Amino acid sequence: MSDLEGLTRRLMEKGFNKEQIIRRLVTEYMDFKEIEKQKAISLSEAVYEECKKSDINSVSDPFMRKLLDFEKAGITVGKQGVGCRGSGDFFVHKLIAELSETEKKAFLSPDSLDDAGAVRLSDIKGFKTEEDLIIVSKMEGIHSRLSDFPFLCGFHVNSRNEIA
């Protein structure tokens, strides 16, 4: 299945209207998922609304616009080989692990080169538990968002190790 947010943003930039975009997204869902058409429409509308609300061109506050904007590098994350466990993906995960390293170690930290993280509750200072519970966090789809919000997503991925 394609990157639906990326597809939506590209269609918006090309001047497609909401109905045309929703129709295209519904087709994507119906081609790849075994779901009812109404569910595909609902999901497509949600993707469209997310893209509309997170479009930097819709941000009117100059400070927020400057904070969220970034200098374009002229290359996409995918062209760098990130995603789908290509060599670029492991390279970026290794860099994230190095950047986020602290003296506190999580049960499953960025060193694992995964998009998930986990902390054992008994390892958290001051937290008492009878059971050996583990909290897991999965960052699904984060790569596709790096193109739109590299600073925020990079910070979010890095900060998950700070919990432990």
Protein backbone atom coordinates (compact mmCIF):
# COMPACT_ATOMS: atom_id res chain seq x y z
CA MET A 1 0.00 0.00 0.00
CA SER A 2 1.32 3.45 -0.81
CA ASP A 3 2.10 6.27 1.61
CA LEU A 4 -1.43 7.69 1.80
CA GLU A 5 -0.37 10.92 3.48
CA GLY A 6 2.33 11.49 0.87
CA LEU A 7 -0.12 10.74 -1.93
CA THR A 8 -2.69 13.11 -0.43
CA ARG A 9 -0.16 15.93 -0.05
CA ARG A 10 1.05 15.45 -3.62
CA LEU A 11 -2.51 15.53 -4.98
CA MET A 12 -3.26 18.65 -2.92
CA GLU A 13 -0.16 20.36 -4.35
CA LYS A 14 -1.32 19.45 -7.87
CA GLY A 15 -4.67 21.14 -7.25
CA PHE A 16 -6.93 18.10 -6.90
CA ASN A 17 -10.10 18.86 -4.91
CA LYS A 18 -11.23 17.02 -1.78
CA GLU A 19 -13.65 14.71 -3.59
CA GLN A 20 -11.04 13.66 -6.16
CA ILE A 21 -8.50 12.96 -3.42
CA ILE A 22 -10.96 10.97 -1.32
CA ARG A 23 -11.93 8.91 -4.38
CA ARG A 24 -8.26 8.12 -5.06
CA LEU A 25 -7.62 7.14 -1.44
CA VAL A 26 -10.71 4.92 -1.38
CA THR A 27 -9.36 3.16 -4.48
CA GLU A 28 -6.04 2.59 -2.68
CA TYR A 29 -7.81 1.13 0.36
CA MET A 30 -10.08 -1.08 -1.74
CA ASP A 31 -7.13 -2.36 -3.80
CA PHE A 32 -5.06 -3.35 -0.77
CA LYS A 33 -7.44 -3.98 2.14
CA GLU A 34 -10.35 -6.33 2.64
CA ILE A 35 -12.73 -3.68 4.04
CA GLU A 36 -16.18 -2.31 3.30
CA LYS A 37 -16.33 0.71 1.02
CA GLN A 38 -17.87 2.90 3.77
CA LYS A 39 -14.92 2.08 6.05
CA ALA A 40 -12.52 2.99 3.20
CA ILE A 41 -14.34 6.31 2.76
CA SER A 42 -14.13 7.02 6.50
CA LEU A 43 -10.40 6.23 6.63
CA SER A 44 -9.75 8.27 3.47
CA GLU A 45 -11.53 11.28 4.95
CA ALA A 46 -9.44 10.96 8.11
CA VAL A 47 -6.20 10.91 6.10
CA TYR A 48 -7.35 13.93 4.10
CA GLU A 49 -8.27 15.90 7.25
CA GLU A 50 -4.92 15.05 8.89
CA CYS A 51 -3.04 16.29 5.84
CA LYS A 52 -5.15 19.44 5.63
CA LYS A 53 -4.67 20.27 9.32
CA SER A 54 -0.94 19.54 9.31
CA ASP A 55 -0.21 21.46 6.09
CA ILE A 56 2.33 24.14 6.96
CA ASN A 57 0.71 26.45 4.42
CA SER A 58 -2.37 26.57 6.67
CA VAL A 59 -0.37 27.78 9.71
CA SER A 60 -0.98 31.51 10.15
CA ASP A 61 1.08 32.18 13.28
CA PRO A 62 4.55 33.34 12.09
CA PHE A 63 6.35 31.84 15.10
CA MET A 64 4.72 28.42 14.67
CA ARG A 65 5.33 28.54 10.93
CA LYS A 66 9.03 29.23 11.51
CA LEU A 67 9.22 26.49 14.16
CA LEU A 68 7.58 23.88 11.94
CA ASP A 69 9.27 24.88 8.70
CA PHE A 70 12.69 23.61 7.70
CA GLU A 71 15.25 24.07 4.98
CA LYS A 72 14.58 21.56 2.22
CA ALA A 73 17.46 19.17 1.52
CA GLY A 74 16.17 18.27 -1.93
CA ILE A 75 16.03 14.53 -1.22
CA THR A 76 13.36 12.36 0.33
CA VAL A 77 13.91 9.95 3.18
CA GLY A 78 12.94 7.09 0.85
CA LYS A 79 15.57 8.07 -1.75
CA GLN A 80 18.15 7.94 1.04
CA GLY A 81 17.25 4.28 1.54
CA VAL A 82 15.30 4.74 4.76
CA GLY A 83 12.30 2.50 5.24
CA CYS A 84 11.60 -1.12 4.39
CA ARG A 85 14.77 -2.07 6.23
CA GLY A 86 17.12 -0.93 3.49
CA SER A 87 20.73 -0.08 4.28
CA GLY A 88 19.78 3.56 4.79
CA ASP A 89 17.18 2.52 7.36
CA PHE A 90 19.76 0.77 9.51
CA PHE A 91 22.14 3.72 9.10
CA VAL A 92 19.52 6.20 10.32
CA HIS A 93 18.43 3.94 13.19
CA LYS A 94 22.07 3.63 14.27
CA LEU A 95 22.42 7.43 14.25
CA ILE A 96 19.21 7.83 16.26
CA ALA A 97 20.49 5.28 18.78
CA GLU A 98 23.76 7.20 19.16
CA LEU A 99 21.98 10.55 19.50
CA SER A 100 19.49 9.30 22.08
CA GLU A 101 21.95 7.40 24.26
CA THR A 102 21.78 8.22 27.96
CA GLU A 103 23.11 6.55 31.09
CA LYS A 104 19.60 5.11 31.60
CA LYS A 105 18.88 2.03 29.54
CA ALA A 106 15.44 1.01 28.34
CA PHE A 107 14.37 -2.63 28.07
CA LEU A 108 14.13 -2.16 24.28
CA SER A 109 16.07 0.96 23.35
CA PRO A 110 16.95 2.56 20.01
CA ASP A 111 20.12 0.40 20.04
CA SER A 112 17.88 -2.44 18.84
CA LEU A 113 17.43 -0.53 15.54
CA ASP A 114 13.68 -1.00 15.77
CA ASP A 115 10.74 1.43 15.52
CA ALA A 116 9.56 0.25 18.93
CA GLY A 117 10.66 0.97 22.45
CA ALA A 118 9.96 -0.71 25.76
CA VAL A 119 10.59 -0.02 29.44
CA ARG A 120 10.30 -2.46 32.33
CA LEU A 121 8.29 -0.82 35.12
CA SER A 122 10.55 -2.29 37.81
CA ASP A 123 13.50 -0.45 36.19
CA ILE A 124 11.87 2.96 36.73
CA LYS A 125 13.15 4.61 39.89
CA GLY A 126 10.46 4.93 42.54
CA PHE A 127 7.93 2.71 40.73
CA LYS A 128 6.95 -0.43 42.64
CA THR A 129 5.11 -3.31 41.01
CA GLU A 130 4.24 -6.86 42.00
CA GLU A 131 4.42 -8.07 38.40
CA ASP A 132 7.24 -7.73 35.90
CA LEU A 133 5.31 -5.42 33.55
CA ILE A 134 6.74 -3.95 30.36
CA ILE A 135 5.34 -0.92 28.53
CA VAL A 136 5.85 -1.05 24.76
CA SER A 137 5.60 1.91 22.38
CA LYS A 138 5.50 1.45 18.60
CA MET A 139 6.23 4.32 16.23
CA GLU A 140 4.45 3.06 13.14
CA GLY A 141 4.61 5.27 10.09
CA ILE A 142 7.13 7.67 11.56
CA HIS A 143 9.35 7.57 8.46
CA SER A 144 6.67 8.98 6.19
CA ARG A 145 6.19 11.88 8.60
CA LEU A 146 9.89 12.72 8.76
CA SER A 147 9.54 14.50 5.43
CA ASP A 148 6.84 16.81 6.80
CA PHE A 149 8.04 17.37 10.36
CA PRO A 150 11.68 16.26 10.61
CA PHE A 151 12.47 18.21 13.77
CA LEU A 152 9.36 17.14 15.69
CA CYS A 153 9.48 13.50 14.59
CA GLY A 154 13.19 13.24 15.21
CA PHE A 155 12.68 14.68 18.68
CA HIS A 156 9.76 12.32 19.35
CA VAL A 157 11.75 9.26 18.32
CA ASN A 158 14.78 10.35 20.33
CA SER A 159 12.84 11.23 23.46
CA ARG A 160 11.30 7.77 23.91
CA ASN A 161 14.49 6.58 25.62
CA GLU A 162 14.19 9.32 28.25
CA ILE A 163 11.31 7.50 29.99
CA ALA A 164 13.53 4.88 31.58
